[in-house]
Amino acid sequence: HTQVTCPHCGAKTDASQPYCGHCGQLLGDAAK
């Protein structure tokens, strides 16, 4: 459950998911 910073809302979200768990936007390259 490594966390990354969402480039859209700036919140920490699960890097294993393609979408931000807070704003629902596609993480894209941020997940990688």
PDB file of all heavy atoms in Angstrom:
ATOM      1  N   HIS A   1       0.834  -1.216   0.000  1.00  0.00           N
ATOM      2  CA  HIS A   1       0.000   0.000   0.000  1.00  0.00           C
ATOM      3  C   HIS A   1       0.859   1.252   0.000  1.00  0.00           C
ATOM      4  O   HIS A   1       0.600   2.211   0.724  1.00  0.00           O
ATOM      5  CB  HIS A   1      -0.931  -0.001   1.208  1.00  0.00           C
ATOM      6  CG  HIS A   1      -1.936  -1.119   1.178  1.00  0.00           C
ATOM      7  ND1 HIS A   1      -3.056  -1.086   0.382  1.00  0.00           N
ATOM      8  CD2 HIS A   1      -1.965  -2.318   1.820  1.00  0.00           C
ATOM      9  CE1 HIS A   1      -3.749  -2.202   0.554  1.00  0.00           C
ATOM     10  NE2 HIS A   1      -3.106  -2.971   1.411  1.00  0.00           N
ATOM     11  N   THR A   2       1.887   1.224  -0.829  1.00  0.00           N
ATOM     12  CA  THR A   2       2.745   2.393  -0.984  1.00  0.00           C
ATOM     13  C   THR A   2       1.914   3.581  -1.465  1.00  0.00           C
ATOM     14  O   THR A   2       1.043   3.445  -2.340  1.00  0.00           O
ATOM     15  CB  THR A   2       3.871   2.085  -1.991  1.00  0.00           C
ATOM     16  OG1 THR A   2       4.669   1.021  -1.468  1.00  0.00           O
ATOM     17  CG2 THR A   2       4.740   3.305  -2.223  1.00  0.00           C
ATOM     18  N   GLN A   3       2.192   4.733  -0.889  1.00  0.00           N
ATOM     19  CA  GLN A   3       1.422   5.945  -1.200  1.00  0.00           C
ATOM     20  C   GLN A   3       2.192   6.854  -2.177  1.00  0.00           C
ATOM     21  O   GLN A   3       3.414   6.942  -2.138  1.00  0.00           O
ATOM     22  CB  GLN A   3       1.144   6.732   0.081  1.00  0.00           C
ATOM     23  CG  GLN A   3       0.385   5.956   1.145  1.00  0.00           C
ATOM     24  CD  GLN A   3      -1.070   5.756   0.777  1.00  0.00           C
ATOM     25  OE1 GLN A   3      -1.828   6.711   0.634  1.00  0.00           O
ATOM     26  NE2 GLN A   3      -1.461   4.492   0.630  1.00  0.00           N
ATOM     27  N   VAL A   4       1.414   7.511  -3.051  1.00  0.00           N
ATOM     28  CA  VAL A   4       1.977   8.536  -3.944  1.00  0.00           C
ATOM     29  C   VAL A   4       1.114   9.801  -3.819  1.00  0.00           C
ATOM     30  O   VAL A   4      -0.013   9.759  -3.312  1.00  0.00           O
ATOM     31  CB  VAL A   4       1.995   8.067  -5.418  1.00  0.00           C
ATOM     32  CG1 VAL A   4       2.947   6.893  -5.585  1.00  0.00           C
ATOM     33  CG2 VAL A   4       0.593   7.722  -5.901  1.00  0.00           C
ATOM     34  N   THR A   5       1.655  10.904  -4.298  1.00  0.00           N
ATOM     35  CA  THR A   5       0.915  12.172  -4.253  1.00  0.00           C
ATOM     36  C   THR A   5       0.139  12.360  -5.551  1.00  0.00           C
ATOM     37  O   THR A   5       0.701  12.275  -6.651  1.00  0.00           O
ATOM     38  CB  THR A   5       1.876  13.351  -4.067  1.00  0.00           C
ATOM     39  OG1 THR A   5       2.604  13.170  -2.848  1.00  0.00           O
ATOM     40  CG2 THR A   5       1.114  14.670  -4.001  1.00  0.00           C
ATOM     41  N   CYS A   6      -1.153  12.568  -5.417  1.00  0.00           N
ATOM     42  CA  CYS A   6      -1.999  12.789  -6.593  1.00  0.00           C
ATOM     43  C   CYS A   6      -1.612  14.121  -7.254  1.00  0.00           C
ATOM     44  O   CYS A   6      -1.586  15.170  -6.579  1.00  0.00           O
ATOM     45  CB  CYS A   6      -3.475  12.802  -6.200  1.00  0.00           C
ATOM     46  SG  CYS A   6      -4.592  13.210  -7.591  1.00  0.00           S
ATOM     47  N   PRO A   7      -1.336  14.142  -8.560  1.00  0.00           N
ATOM     48  CA  PRO A   7      -0.948  15.396  -9.232  1.00  0.00           C
ATOM     49  C   PRO A   7      -2.107  16.381  -9.401  1.00  0.00           C
ATOM     50  O   PRO A   7      -1.883  17.551  -9.738  1.00  0.00           O
ATOM     51  CB  PRO A   7      -0.435  14.906 -10.597  1.00  0.00           C
ATOM     52  CG  PRO A   7      -1.158  13.621 -10.842  1.00  0.00           C
ATOM     53  CD  PRO A   7      -1.327  12.994  -9.492  1.00  0.00           C
ATOM     54  N   HIS A   8      -3.330  15.922  -9.120  1.00  0.00           N
ATOM     55  CA  HIS A   8      -4.502  16.782  -9.313  1.00  0.00           C
ATOM     56  C   HIS A   8      -4.933  17.466  -8.008  1.00  0.00           C
ATOM     57  O   HIS A   8      -5.178  18.677  -7.989  1.00  0.00           O
ATOM     58  CB  HIS A   8      -5.661  15.957  -9.884  1.00  0.00           C
ATOM     59  CG  HIS A   8      -5.305  15.249 -11.162  1.00  0.00           C
ATOM     60  ND1 HIS A   8      -5.175  15.895 -12.374  1.00  0.00           N
ATOM     61  CD2 HIS A   8      -5.046  13.937 -11.409  1.00  0.00           C
ATOM     62  CE1 HIS A   8      -4.856  15.014 -13.323  1.00  0.00           C
ATOM     63  NE2 HIS A   8      -4.769  13.807 -12.754  1.00  0.00           N
ATOM     64  N   CYS A   9      -5.066  16.653  -6.928  1.00  0.00           N
ATOM     65  CA  CYS A   9      -5.554  17.241  -5.669  1.00  0.00           C
ATOM     66  C   CYS A   9      -4.475  17.336  -4.599  1.00  0.00           C
ATOM     67  O   CYS A   9      -4.689  17.960  -3.558  1.00  0.00           O
ATOM     68  CB  CYS A   9      -6.744  16.452  -5.136  1.00  0.00           C
ATOM     69  SG  CYS A   9      -6.317  14.756  -4.627  1.00  0.00           S
ATOM     70  N   GLY A  10      -3.330  16.717  -4.833  1.00  0.00           N
ATOM     71  CA  GLY A  10      -2.226  16.802  -3.881  1.00  0.00           C
ATOM     72  C   GLY A  10      -2.341  15.883  -2.682  1.00  0.00           C
ATOM     73  O   GLY A  10      -1.495  15.935  -1.779  1.00  0.00           O
ATOM     74  N   ALA A  11      -3.358  15.036  -2.654  1.00  0.00           N
ATOM     75  CA  ALA A  11      -3.533  14.118  -1.521  1.00  0.00           C
ATOM     76  C   ALA A  11      -2.713  12.850  -1.734  1.00  0.00           C
ATOM     77  O   ALA A  11      -2.349  12.503  -2.860  1.00  0.00           O
ATOM     78  CB  ALA A  11      -5.013  13.775  -1.357  1.00  0.00           C
ATOM     79  N   LYS A  12      -2.430  12.156  -0.600  1.00  0.00           N
ATOM     80  CA  LYS A  12      -1.748  10.870  -0.661  1.00  0.00           C
ATOM     81  C   LYS A  12      -2.759   9.783  -1.003  1.00  0.00           C
ATOM     82  O   LYS A  12      -3.840   9.713  -0.404  1.00  0.00           O
ATOM     83  CB  LYS A  12      -1.083  10.546   0.676  1.00  0.00           C
ATOM     84  CG  LYS A  12       0.040  11.492   1.065  1.00  0.00           C
ATOM     85  CD  LYS A  12       1.259  11.322   0.164  1.00  0.00           C
ATOM     86  CE  LYS A  12       2.401  12.210   0.624  1.00  0.00           C
ATOM     87  NZ  LYS A  12       3.587  12.071  -0.268  1.00  0.00           N
ATOM     88  N   THR A  13      -2.386   8.928  -1.962  1.00  0.00           N
ATOM     89  CA  THR A  13      -3.308   7.871  -2.375  1.00  0.00           C
ATOM     90  C   THR A  13      -2.527   6.605  -2.688  1.00  0.00           C
ATOM     91  O   THR A  13      -1.299   6.642  -2.875  1.00  0.00           O
ATOM     92  CB  THR A  13      -4.137   8.300  -3.613  1.00  0.00           C
ATOM     93  OG1 THR A  13      -5.138   7.317  -3.874  1.00  0.00           O
ATOM     94  CG2 THR A  13      -3.255   8.482  -4.827  1.00  0.00           C
ATOM     95  N   ASP A  14      -3.225   5.484  -2.766  1.00  0.00           N
ATOM     96  CA  ASP A  14      -2.599   4.183  -2.969  1.00  0.00           C
ATOM     97  C   ASP A  14      -2.000   4.091  -4.367  1.00  0.00           C
ATOM     98  O   ASP A  14      -2.698   4.261  -5.362  1.00  0.00           O
ATOM     99  CB  ASP A  14      -3.648   3.084  -2.774  1.00  0.00           C
ATOM    100  CG  ASP A  14      -3.018   1.697  -2.652  1.00  0.00           C
ATOM    101  OD1 ASP A  14      -1.866   1.520  -3.099  1.00  0.00           O
ATOM    102  OD2 ASP A  14      -3.688   0.794  -2.101  1.00  0.00           O
ATOM    103  N   ALA A  15      -0.676   3.821  -4.422  1.00  0.00           N
ATOM    104  CA  ALA A  15       0.010   3.774  -5.717  1.00  0.00           C
ATOM    105  C   ALA A  15      -0.409   2.570  -6.549  1.00  0.00           C
ATOM    106  O   ALA A  15      -0.168   2.538  -7.764  1.00  0.00           O
ATOM    107  CB  ALA A  15       1.520   3.756  -5.500  1.00  0.00           C
ATOM    108  N   SER A  16      -1.019   1.545  -5.911  1.00  0.00           N
ATOM    109  CA  SER A  16      -1.400   0.349  -6.663  1.00  0.00           C
ATOM    110  C   SER A  16      -2.701   0.547  -7.446  1.00  0.00           C
ATOM    111  O   SER A  16      -3.072  -0.312  -8.249  1.00  0.00           O
ATOM    112  CB  SER A  16      -1.547  -0.847  -5.719  1.00  0.00           C
ATOM    113  OG  SER A  16      -2.602  -0.624  -4.782  1.00  0.00           O
ATOM    114  N   GLN A  17      -3.393   1.662  -7.219  1.00  0.00           N
ATOM    115  CA  GLN A  17      -4.654   1.931  -7.910  1.00  0.00           C
ATOM    116  C   GLN A  17      -4.446   2.944  -9.037  1.00  0.00           C
ATOM    117  O   GLN A  17      -3.645   3.883  -8.890  1.00  0.00           O
ATOM    118  CB  GLN A  17      -5.699   2.476  -6.922  1.00  0.00           C
ATOM    119  CG  GLN A  17      -5.970   1.549  -5.749  1.00  0.00           C
ATOM    120  CD  GLN A  17      -6.534   0.218  -6.187  1.00  0.00           C
ATOM    121  OE1 GLN A  17      -7.341   0.157  -7.131  1.00  0.00           O
ATOM    122  NE2 GLN A  17      -6.101  -0.860  -5.522  1.00  0.00           N
ATOM    123  N   PRO A  18      -5.168   2.806 -10.151  1.00  0.00           N
ATOM    124  CA  PRO A  18      -4.978   3.754 -11.279  1.00  0.00           C
ATOM    125  C   PRO A  18      -5.624   5.121 -11.042  1.00  0.00           C
ATOM    126  O   PRO A  18      -5.261   6.093 -11.708  1.00  0.00           O
ATOM    127  CB  PRO A  18      -5.631   3.027 -12.453  1.00  0.00           C
ATOM    128  CG  PRO A  18      -6.662   2.144 -11.817  1.00  0.00           C
ATOM    129  CD  PRO A  18      -6.079   1.713 -10.498  1.00  0.00           C
ATOM    130  N   TYR A  19      -6.575   5.199 -10.079  1.00  0.00           N
ATOM    131  CA  TYR A  19      -7.282   6.446  -9.838  1.00  0.00           C
ATOM    132  C   TYR A  19      -7.010   6.934  -8.415  1.00  0.00           C
ATOM    133  O   TYR A  19      -6.784   6.140  -7.503  1.00  0.00           O
ATOM    134  CB  TYR A  19      -8.796   6.270 -10.034  1.00  0.00           C
ATOM    135  CG  TYR A  19      -9.176   5.926 -11.459  1.00  0.00           C
ATOM    136  CD1 TYR A  19      -9.327   4.596 -11.842  1.00  0.00           C
ATOM    137  CD2 TYR A  19      -9.391   6.935 -12.404  1.00  0.00           C
ATOM    138  CE1 TYR A  19      -9.666   4.264 -13.154  1.00  0.00           C
ATOM    139  CE2 TYR A  19      -9.733   6.613 -13.711  1.00  0.00           C
ATOM    140  CZ  TYR A  19      -9.871   5.283 -14.077  1.00  0.00           C
ATOM    141  OH  TYR A  19     -10.206   4.966 -15.366  1.00  0.00           O
ATOM    142  N   CYS A  20      -7.060   8.238  -8.221  1.00  0.00           N
ATOM    143  CA  CYS A  20      -6.870   8.827  -6.895  1.00  0.00           C
ATOM    144  C   CYS A  20      -8.057   8.461  -6.015  1.00  0.00           C
ATOM    145  O   CYS A  20      -9.221   8.569  -6.443  1.00  0.00           O
ATOM    146  CB  CYS A  20      -6.741  10.343  -7.007  1.00  0.00           C
ATOM    147  SG  CYS A  20      -6.665  11.183  -5.391  1.00  0.00           S
ATOM    148  N   GLY A  21      -7.772   8.037  -4.816  1.00  0.00           N
ATOM    149  CA  GLY A  21      -8.824   7.653  -3.888  1.00  0.00           C
ATOM    150  C   GLY A  21      -9.562   8.830  -3.310  1.00  0.00           C
ATOM    151  O   GLY A  21     -10.569   8.649  -2.602  1.00  0.00           O
ATOM    152  N   HIS A  22      -9.129  10.070  -3.577  1.00  0.00           N
ATOM    153  CA  HIS A  22      -9.770  11.263  -3.020  1.00  0.00           C
ATOM    154  C   HIS A  22     -10.562  12.035  -4.080  1.00  0.00           C
ATOM    155  O   HIS A  22     -11.742  12.362  -3.880  1.00  0.00           O
ATOM    156  CB  HIS A  22      -8.713  12.174  -2.404  1.00  0.00           C
ATOM    157  CG  HIS A  22      -7.999  11.553  -1.253  1.00  0.00           C
ATOM    158  ND1 HIS A  22      -8.475  11.571   0.033  1.00  0.00           N
ATOM    159  CD2 HIS A  22      -6.828  10.856  -1.205  1.00  0.00           C
ATOM    160  CE1 HIS A  22      -7.642  10.927   0.839  1.00  0.00           C
ATOM    161  NE2 HIS A  22      -6.632  10.485   0.107  1.00  0.00           N
ATOM    162  N   CYS A  23      -9.905  12.324  -5.226  1.00  0.00           N
ATOM    163  CA  CYS A  23     -10.604  13.117  -6.240  1.00  0.00           C
ATOM    164  C   CYS A  23     -11.095  12.282  -7.413  1.00  0.00           C
ATOM    165  O   CYS A  23     -11.867  12.763  -8.254  1.00  0.00           O
ATOM    166  CB  CYS A  23      -9.697  14.243  -6.750  1.00  0.00           C
ATOM    167  SG  CYS A  23      -8.240  13.645  -7.679  1.00  0.00           S
ATOM    168  N   GLY A  24     -10.656  11.055  -7.527  1.00  0.00           N
ATOM    169  CA  GLY A  24     -11.119  10.171  -8.595  1.00  0.00           C
ATOM    170  C   GLY A  24     -10.426  10.369  -9.922  1.00  0.00           C
ATOM    171  O   GLY A  24     -10.768   9.693 -10.906  1.00  0.00           O
ATOM    172  N   GLN A  25      -9.461  11.286  -9.995  1.00  0.00           N
ATOM    173  CA  GLN A  25      -8.762  11.536 -11.249  1.00  0.00           C
ATOM    174  C   GLN A  25      -7.754  10.425 -11.545  1.00  0.00           C
ATOM    175  O   GLN A  25      -7.240   9.759 -10.653  1.00  0.00           O
ATOM    176  CB  GLN A  25      -8.041  12.889 -11.189  1.00  0.00           C
ATOM    177  CG  GLN A  25      -8.962  14.082 -11.060  1.00  0.00           C
ATOM    178  CD  GLN A  25      -9.794  14.296 -12.317  1.00  0.00           C
ATOM    179  OE1 GLN A  25      -9.325  14.093 -13.442  1.00  0.00           O
ATOM    180  NE2 GLN A  25     -11.055  14.689 -12.128  1.00  0.00           N
ATOM    181  N   LEU A  26      -7.484  10.224 -12.825  1.00  0.00           N
ATOM    182  CA  LEU A  26      -6.505   9.223 -13.243  1.00  0.00           C
ATOM    183  C   LEU A  26      -5.113   9.662 -12.799  1.00  0.00           C
ATOM    184  O   LEU A  26      -4.689  10.792 -13.054  1.00  0.00           O
ATOM    185  CB  LEU A  26      -6.561   9.062 -14.762  1.00  0.00           C
ATOM    186  CG  LEU A  26      -5.660   7.976 -15.354  1.00  0.00           C
ATOM    187  CD1 LEU A  26      -6.148   6.601 -14.908  1.00  0.00           C
ATOM    188  CD2 LEU A  26      -5.656   8.069 -16.880  1.00  0.00           C
ATOM    189  N   LEU A  27      -4.411   8.753 -12.177  1.00  0.00           N
ATOM    190  CA  LEU A  27      -3.082   9.098 -11.655  1.00  0.00           C
ATOM    191  C   LEU A  27      -2.045   9.173 -12.762  1.00  0.00           C
ATOM    192  O   LEU A  27      -1.109   9.972 -12.706  1.00  0.00           O
ATOM    193  CB  LEU A  27      -2.640   8.058 -10.612  1.00  0.00           C
ATOM    194  CG  LEU A  27      -3.440   8.046  -9.314  1.00  0.00           C
ATOM    195  CD1 LEU A  27      -2.956   6.912  -8.417  1.00  0.00           C
ATOM    196  CD2 LEU A  27      -3.311   9.383  -8.597  1.00  0.00           C
ATOM    197  N   GLY A  28      -2.181   8.336 -13.772  1.00  0.00           N
ATOM    198  CA  GLY A  28      -1.231   8.364 -14.873  1.00  0.00           C
ATOM    199  C   GLY A  28       0.173   7.985 -14.424  1.00  0.00           C
ATOM    200  O   GLY A  28       0.377   7.001 -13.702  1.00  0.00           O
ATOM    201  N   ASP A  29       1.149   8.812 -14.856  1.00  0.00           N
ATOM    202  CA  ASP A  29       2.550   8.507 -14.536  1.00  0.00           C
ATOM    203  C   ASP A  29       2.853   8.636 -13.046  1.00  0.00           C
ATOM    204  O   ASP A  29       3.858   8.109 -12.565  1.00  0.00           O
ATOM    205  CB  ASP A  29       3.478   9.441 -15.322  1.00  0.00           C
ATOM    206  CG  ASP A  29       3.435   9.153 -16.819  1.00  0.00           C
ATOM    207  OD1 ASP A  29       3.041   8.028 -17.174  1.00  0.00           O
ATOM    208  OD2 ASP A  29       3.785  10.056 -17.606  1.00  0.00           O
ATOM    209  N   ALA A  30       2.010   9.313 -12.301  1.00  0.00           N
ATOM    210  CA  ALA A  30       2.260   9.480 -10.853  1.00  0.00           C
ATOM    211  C   ALA A  30       2.232   8.136 -10.140  1.00  0.00           C
ATOM    212  O   ALA A  30       2.922   7.936  -9.135  1.00  0.00           O
ATOM    213  CB  ALA A  30       1.208  10.415 -10.248  1.00  0.00           C
ATOM    214  N   ALA A  31       1.408   7.198 -10.665  1.00  0.00           N
ATOM    215  CA  ALA A  31       1.315   5.880 -10.040  1.00  0.00           C
ATOM    216  C   ALA A  31       2.571   5.061 -10.258  1.00  0.00           C
ATOM    217  O   ALA A  31       2.793   4.054  -9.593  1.00  0.00           O
ATOM    218  CB  ALA A  31       0.108   5.125 -10.582  1.00  0.00           C
ATOM    219  N   LYS A  32       3.403   5.485 -11.236  1.00  0.00           N
ATOM    220  CA  LYS A  32       4.623   4.757 -11.538  1.00  0.00           C
ATOM    221  C   LYS A  32       5.855   5.426 -10.938  1.00  0.00           C
ATOM    222  O   LYS A  32       6.983   5.137 -11.324  1.00  0.00           O
ATOM    223  CB  LYS A  32       4.793   4.648 -13.057  1.00  0.00           C
ATOM    224  CG  LYS A  32       3.611   3.990 -13.772  1.00  0.00           C
ATOM    225  CD  LYS A  32       3.811   3.993 -15.272  1.00  0.00           C
ATOM    226  CE  LYS A  32       2.612   3.383 -15.978  1.00  0.00           C
ATOM    227  NZ  LYS A  32       2.791   3.407 -17.456  1.00  0.00           N
TER     228      LYS A  32
END
